Structures are given as C-alpha cells and as structure tokens.
Amino acid sequence: MRYPDGPGHRNVDTSMAAADAMAPKLGRLQRMAAAAIRDAGADGLTADELAARLDLDRASIQPRTSELKRKGIIRDSGRRRRNVSGKAAIVWIEAA
C-alpha cells in the first residue's frame, strides 16, 4: 500500500523495515487516533496528548496524524499548545 494508506518511509533500508513492521498495525492505529481526536471535540489533541490518551509511544502515533490529515479525516485547528518539550504543537480536530 502507498502512503497514506500504508506507512511512509524515507527510501532508506532502516526506514523501509520500520514501515514494513508497522503496516499490519496501521489501520487499527489510524482508527484509534481518529476516534480519540473525534472524541476530544473542539478541544482537539496534540500528538503528545493523543499518544498519552491512547497510552502509546509518541513515535508510533504521531505519524498517524499526518496520514489522517492526508486522508481528510482530521485537520489542523489553527491553534497550538505546548508539547512535552515546550515547543508549539498543532492541535488536531476532526475534519468537517
């Protein structure tokens, strides 16, 4: 499968191996992420907040936001909140 229906990679062997390992879990993780963002309503979620809500590692869930955005399922709310590193992070909401 091609991105965003399949995990993306950087055409480097390690990145391609990671994408192959993620592929069987991708649909479930995308559904979980989309549901959590939908359930958050107008408040939305940052990637860090999404990972915490799902009790998953940020590295496994943050790429799902890019995939869901590309699919038109979620969108950037235009708001920002600080993430755990103190940097501004996109607040994701369900696409209308």
C-alpha atoms as a PDB file:
ATOM      1  CA  MET A   1       0.000   0.000   0.000  1.00  0.00           C
ATOM      2  CA  ARG A   2       1.076   3.522  -0.680  1.00  0.00           C
ATOM      3  CA  TYR A   3       1.055   6.434   1.765  1.00  0.00           C
ATOM      4  CA  PRO A   4      -1.256   7.437   3.447  1.00  0.00           C
ATOM      5  CA  ASP A   5      -2.933   4.018   3.366  1.00  0.00           C
ATOM      6  CA  GLY A   6       0.438   2.445   4.105  1.00  0.00           C
ATOM      7  CA  PRO A   7       3.178   3.743   6.379  1.00  0.00           C
ATOM      8  CA  GLY A   8       5.624   6.178   4.840  1.00  0.00           C
ATOM      9  CA  HIS A   9       9.375   5.727   4.696  1.00  0.00           C
ATOM     10  CA  ARG A  10      12.447   7.618   3.537  1.00  0.00           C
ATOM     11  CA  ASN A  11      13.765   5.092   0.980  1.00  0.00           C
ATOM     12  CA  VAL A  12      16.443   4.025   3.450  1.00  0.00           C
ATOM     13  CA  ASP A  13      16.689   0.380   4.486  1.00  0.00           C
ATOM     14  CA  THR A  14      16.015   1.031   8.176  1.00  0.00           C
ATOM     15  CA  SER A  15      13.075   3.322   7.415  1.00  0.00           C
ATOM     16  CA  MET A  16      11.639   0.795   4.962  1.00  0.00           C
ATOM     17  CA  ALA A  17      11.989  -2.003   7.530  1.00  0.00           C
ATOM     18  CA  ALA A  18      10.193   0.100  10.146  1.00  0.00           C
ATOM     19  CA  ALA A  19       7.376   0.834   7.669  1.00  0.00           C
ATOM     20  CA  ASP A  20       7.040  -2.873   6.877  1.00  0.00           C
ATOM     21  CA  ALA A  21       6.842  -3.690  10.595  1.00  0.00           C
ATOM     22  CA  MET A  22       4.179  -1.003  11.140  1.00  0.00           C
ATOM     23  CA  ALA A  23       1.986  -1.987   8.174  1.00  0.00           C
ATOM     24  CA  PRO A  24      -0.078  -4.712   9.916  1.00  0.00           C
ATOM     25  CA  LYS A  25      -0.965  -2.327  12.782  1.00  0.00           C
ATOM     26  CA  LEU A  26      -1.550   0.787  10.694  1.00  0.00           C
ATOM     27  CA  GLY A  27      -5.310   0.586  10.137  1.00  0.00           C
ATOM     28  CA  ARG A  28      -6.014  -0.084  13.808  1.00  0.00           C
ATOM     29  CA  LEU A  29      -3.762   2.765  14.952  1.00  0.00           C
ATOM     30  CA  GLN A  30      -5.314   5.177  12.455  1.00  0.00           C
ATOM     31  CA  ARG A  31      -8.813   4.224  13.651  1.00  0.00           C
ATOM     32  CA  MET A  32      -7.796   4.638  17.298  1.00  0.00           C
ATOM     33  CA  ALA A  33      -6.210   8.040  16.611  1.00  0.00           C
ATOM     34  CA  ALA A  34      -9.178   9.278  14.568  1.00  0.00           C
ATOM     35  CA  ALA A  35     -11.639   8.180  17.278  1.00  0.00           C
ATOM     36  CA  ALA A  36      -9.639   9.868  20.059  1.00  0.00           C
ATOM     37  CA  ILE A  37      -9.426  13.123  18.103  1.00  0.00           C
ATOM     38  CA  ARG A  38     -13.144  12.955  17.302  1.00  0.00           C
ATOM     39  CA  ASP A  39     -13.945  12.270  20.971  1.00  0.00           C
ATOM     40  CA  ALA A  40     -11.863  15.292  22.027  1.00  0.00           C
ATOM     41  CA  GLY A  41     -14.289  17.516  20.099  1.00  0.00           C
ATOM     42  CA  ALA A  42     -13.467  21.181  19.642  1.00  0.00           C
ATOM     43  CA  ASP A  43     -10.653  20.945  22.227  1.00  0.00           C
ATOM     44  CA  GLY A  44      -8.705  18.683  19.877  1.00  0.00           C
ATOM     45  CA  LEU A  45      -5.450  16.932  20.694  1.00  0.00           C
ATOM     46  CA  THR A  46      -1.775  17.483  20.030  1.00  0.00           C
ATOM     47  CA  ALA A  47       0.302  14.460  19.022  1.00  0.00           C
ATOM     48  CA  ASP A  48       1.661  14.214  22.588  1.00  0.00           C
ATOM     49  CA  GLU A  49      -1.836  14.406  24.051  1.00  0.00           C
ATOM     50  CA  LEU A  50      -3.037  11.807  21.558  1.00  0.00           C
ATOM     51  CA  ALA A  51      -0.221   9.425  22.486  1.00  0.00           C
ATOM     52  CA  ALA A  52      -0.953   9.893  26.185  1.00  0.00           C
ATOM     53  CA  ARG A  53      -4.687   9.368  25.707  1.00  0.00           C
ATOM     54  CA  LEU A  54      -4.042   6.144  23.796  1.00  0.00           C
ATOM     55  CA  ASP A  55      -1.227   5.060  26.137  1.00  0.00           C
ATOM     56  CA  LEU A  56       1.085   4.639  23.153  1.00  0.00           C
ATOM     57  CA  ASP A  57       4.555   5.833  22.325  1.00  0.00           C
ATOM     58  CA  ARG A  58       4.520   9.191  20.550  1.00  0.00           C
ATOM     59  CA  ALA A  59       6.781   7.814  17.816  1.00  0.00           C
ATOM     60  CA  SER A  60       4.162   5.235  16.858  1.00  0.00           C
ATOM     61  CA  ILE A  61       1.173   7.587  16.932  1.00  0.00           C
ATOM     62  CA  GLN A  62       2.447  10.979  15.650  1.00  0.00           C
ATOM     63  CA  PRO A  63       2.866   9.743  12.047  1.00  0.00           C
ATOM     64  CA  ARG A  64      -0.780   8.685  12.075  1.00  0.00           C
ATOM     65  CA  THR A  65      -1.780  12.366  12.323  1.00  0.00           C
ATOM     66  CA  SER A  66      -0.024  13.100   9.021  1.00  0.00           C
ATOM     67  CA  GLU A  67      -1.721  10.109   7.398  1.00  0.00           C
ATOM     68  CA  LEU A  68      -5.153  11.074   8.749  1.00  0.00           C
ATOM     69  CA  LYS A  69      -4.660  14.666   7.609  1.00  0.00           C
ATOM     70  CA  ARG A  70      -3.735  13.471   4.118  1.00  0.00           C
ATOM     71  CA  LYS A  71      -6.887  11.315   4.071  1.00  0.00           C
ATOM     72  CA  GLY A  72      -9.020  14.324   5.077  1.00  0.00           C
ATOM     73  CA  ILE A  73     -10.152  12.736   8.356  1.00  0.00           C
ATOM     74  CA  ILE A  74      -8.560  15.312  10.663  1.00  0.00           C
ATOM     75  CA  ARG A  75      -7.365  18.878  10.195  1.00  0.00           C
ATOM     76  CA  ASP A  76      -5.172  21.486  11.820  1.00  0.00           C
ATOM     77  CA  SER A  77      -7.406  23.581  14.097  1.00  0.00           C
ATOM     78  CA  GLY A  78      -5.116  26.585  13.691  1.00  0.00           C
ATOM     79  CA  ARG A  79      -4.431  26.513  17.432  1.00  0.00           C
ATOM     80  CA  ARG A  80      -1.196  25.497  19.128  1.00  0.00           C
ATOM     81  CA  ARG A  81      -0.407  24.077  22.563  1.00  0.00           C
ATOM     82  CA  ARG A  82       2.956  23.358  24.105  1.00  0.00           C
ATOM     83  CA  ASN A  83       4.152  19.783  23.849  1.00  0.00           C
ATOM     84  CA  VAL A  84       6.321  17.987  26.405  1.00  0.00           C
ATOM     85  CA  SER A  85       9.462  19.616  25.005  1.00  0.00           C
ATOM     86  CA  GLY A  86       7.889  23.069  25.376  1.00  0.00           C
ATOM     87  CA  LYS A  87       7.503  23.681  21.648  1.00  0.00           C
ATOM     88  CA  ALA A  88       4.279  24.728  19.966  1.00  0.00           C
ATOM     89  CA  ALA A  89       2.342  21.735  18.632  1.00  0.00           C
ATOM     90  CA  ILE A  90      -0.585  21.530  16.219  1.00  0.00           C
ATOM     91  CA  VAL A  91      -3.958  20.901  17.841  1.00  0.00           C
ATOM     92  CA  TRP A  92      -5.730  18.353  15.628  1.00  0.00           C
ATOM     93  CA  ILE A  93      -9.523  18.235  15.296  1.00  0.00           C
ATOM     94  CA  GLU A  94     -11.894  16.153  13.217  1.00  0.00           C
ATOM     95  CA  ALA A  95     -12.325  17.436   9.676  1.00  0.00           C
ATOM     96  CA  ALA A  96     -15.783  18.806   8.985  1.00  0.00           C
END
